[in-house]
Amino acid sequence: MAYFFLRLLPPRPTFPHDVTGEEMAAMERHVEYWHRNALAGSAIVVGPVFEGEGAFGMAVVEVEDHAAAQALADGDPINASGFGFRFDILPMPSIILRPPAV
C-alpha cells in the first residue's frame, strides 16, 4: 500500500467565503463521497485547510498506487461539477500515525 496527499484546489482564491448555492450543493456531494471513502478505509483524514483569504481541501489516502489515488480524485463528484476544482496528487513515502483512540 502507498500513501498520497491529495490537495483540492478551489476555483478562486476566495472560496469558500463566497460560495454560491450551486457550489454548496456540489460540496455536499463531495463531503458525502469522502465520508464513504473514510468508512471504506482508503481515506485516512480529509478536511478543509484555511489559508489567507480562502481555503483548499486535503486528504491523506492509503491506496495501492498512484493510479488508485488518481481514481479517488477522479471519482470525486466535485470534478464533475464543472466549477473548476482540481486535485494535486503528491506521494508520501512514509507517514507516522498515532495509535487509534481507545
Protein backbone atom coordinates (compact mmCIF):
# COMPACT_ATOMS: atom_id res chain seq x y z
CA MET A 1 0.00 0.00 0.00
CA ALA A 2 1.05 3.59 -0.56
CA TYR A 3 0.11 6.98 0.91
CA PHE A 4 -0.78 10.12 -1.01
CA PHE A 5 -1.63 13.70 -0.13
CA LEU A 6 -4.48 14.99 -2.28
CA ARG A 7 -4.84 18.76 -2.38
CA LEU A 8 -8.14 20.05 -3.78
CA LEU A 9 -7.61 23.46 -5.33
CA PRO A 10 -10.69 25.69 -5.43
CA PRO A 11 -11.95 27.61 -8.45
CA ARG A 12 -10.94 31.01 -6.97
CA PRO A 13 -8.76 32.31 -4.11
CA THR A 14 -11.73 33.49 -2.02
CA PHE A 15 -13.53 30.15 -1.96
CA PRO A 16 -15.37 29.08 0.31
CA HIS A 17 -16.13 32.51 1.76
CA ASP A 18 -18.11 33.47 -1.34
CA VAL A 19 -19.61 30.05 -2.13
CA THR A 20 -22.76 30.02 -4.26
CA GLY A 21 -25.78 27.82 -3.61
CA GLU A 22 -24.90 25.55 -6.53
CA GLU A 23 -21.31 25.22 -5.33
CA MET A 24 -22.54 24.38 -1.82
CA ALA A 25 -24.73 21.59 -3.23
CA ALA A 26 -21.69 20.22 -5.10
CA MET A 27 -19.61 20.46 -1.93
CA GLU A 28 -22.24 18.45 -0.03
CA ARG A 29 -21.88 15.64 -2.59
CA HIS A 30 -18.08 15.97 -2.27
CA VAL A 31 -18.30 15.58 1.53
CA GLU A 32 -20.55 12.52 1.23
CA TYR A 33 -18.09 10.94 -1.22
CA TRP A 34 -15.17 11.38 1.18
CA HIS A 35 -17.20 10.11 4.15
CA ARG A 36 -17.77 6.89 2.19
CA ASN A 37 -14.05 6.62 1.41
CA ALA A 38 -13.19 7.15 5.07
CA LEU A 39 -15.62 4.40 6.10
CA ALA A 40 -14.16 2.12 3.41
CA GLY A 41 -10.68 2.70 4.84
CA SER A 42 -8.94 4.42 1.91
CA ALA A 43 -9.22 7.97 3.27
CA ILE A 44 -7.26 8.47 6.50
CA VAL A 45 -8.04 12.14 7.04
CA VAL A 46 -9.98 14.66 4.94
CA GLY A 47 -10.87 18.28 5.51
CA PRO A 48 -10.54 21.94 4.60
CA VAL A 49 -7.41 23.97 5.29
CA PHE A 50 -7.84 27.74 5.61
CA GLU A 51 -5.12 29.82 4.03
CA GLY A 52 -5.13 33.58 3.53
CA GLU A 53 -8.47 34.73 2.17
CA GLY A 54 -9.57 31.26 1.09
CA ALA A 55 -9.05 27.57 1.63
CA PHE A 56 -8.08 24.33 -0.06
CA GLY A 57 -9.16 20.77 0.62
CA MET A 58 -6.86 17.97 1.68
CA ALA A 59 -6.97 14.24 2.03
CA VAL A 60 -4.39 11.68 3.05
CA VAL A 61 -5.24 8.35 1.48
CA GLU A 62 -3.88 4.82 1.66
CA VAL A 63 -4.24 3.06 -1.68
CA GLU A 64 -2.44 0.57 -3.89
CA ASP A 65 -0.62 3.08 -6.11
CA HIS A 66 -0.75 6.48 -7.83
CA ALA A 67 -3.37 5.23 -10.27
CA ALA A 68 -5.66 4.35 -7.35
CA ALA A 69 -5.12 7.79 -5.81
CA GLN A 70 -5.94 9.34 -9.18
CA ALA A 71 -9.08 7.22 -9.37
CA LEU A 72 -10.20 8.54 -5.97
CA ALA A 73 -9.66 12.11 -7.13
CA ASP A 74 -11.37 11.45 -10.46
CA GLY A 75 -14.34 9.85 -8.70
CA ASP A 76 -14.99 12.91 -6.55
CA PRO A 77 -18.27 14.47 -7.73
CA ILE A 78 -16.71 17.93 -7.31
CA ASN A 79 -14.76 17.17 -10.52
CA ALA A 80 -17.95 16.61 -12.49
CA SER A 81 -19.49 19.82 -11.10
CA GLY A 82 -17.88 21.99 -13.76
CA PHE A 83 -16.93 24.67 -11.21
CA GLY A 84 -13.19 24.43 -11.85
CA PHE A 85 -11.87 22.45 -8.87
CA ARG A 86 -8.74 20.35 -9.45
CA PHE A 87 -6.58 17.95 -7.46
CA ASP A 88 -2.84 17.79 -6.95
CA ILE A 89 -1.77 14.25 -6.03
CA LEU A 90 1.50 14.01 -4.12
CA PRO A 91 3.18 10.80 -2.92
CA MET A 92 4.06 10.44 0.76
CA PRO A 93 6.93 7.95 1.11
CA SER A 94 6.13 7.34 4.78
CA ILE A 95 3.78 8.53 7.49
CA ILE A 96 3.58 8.33 11.26
CA LEU A 97 0.13 7.53 12.64
CA ARG A 98 -0.94 7.89 16.22
CA PRO A 99 -2.49 4.78 17.73
CA PRO A 100 -6.28 4.53 17.50
CA ALA A 101 -8.17 6.16 20.35
CA VAL A 102 -9.48 3.68 22.87
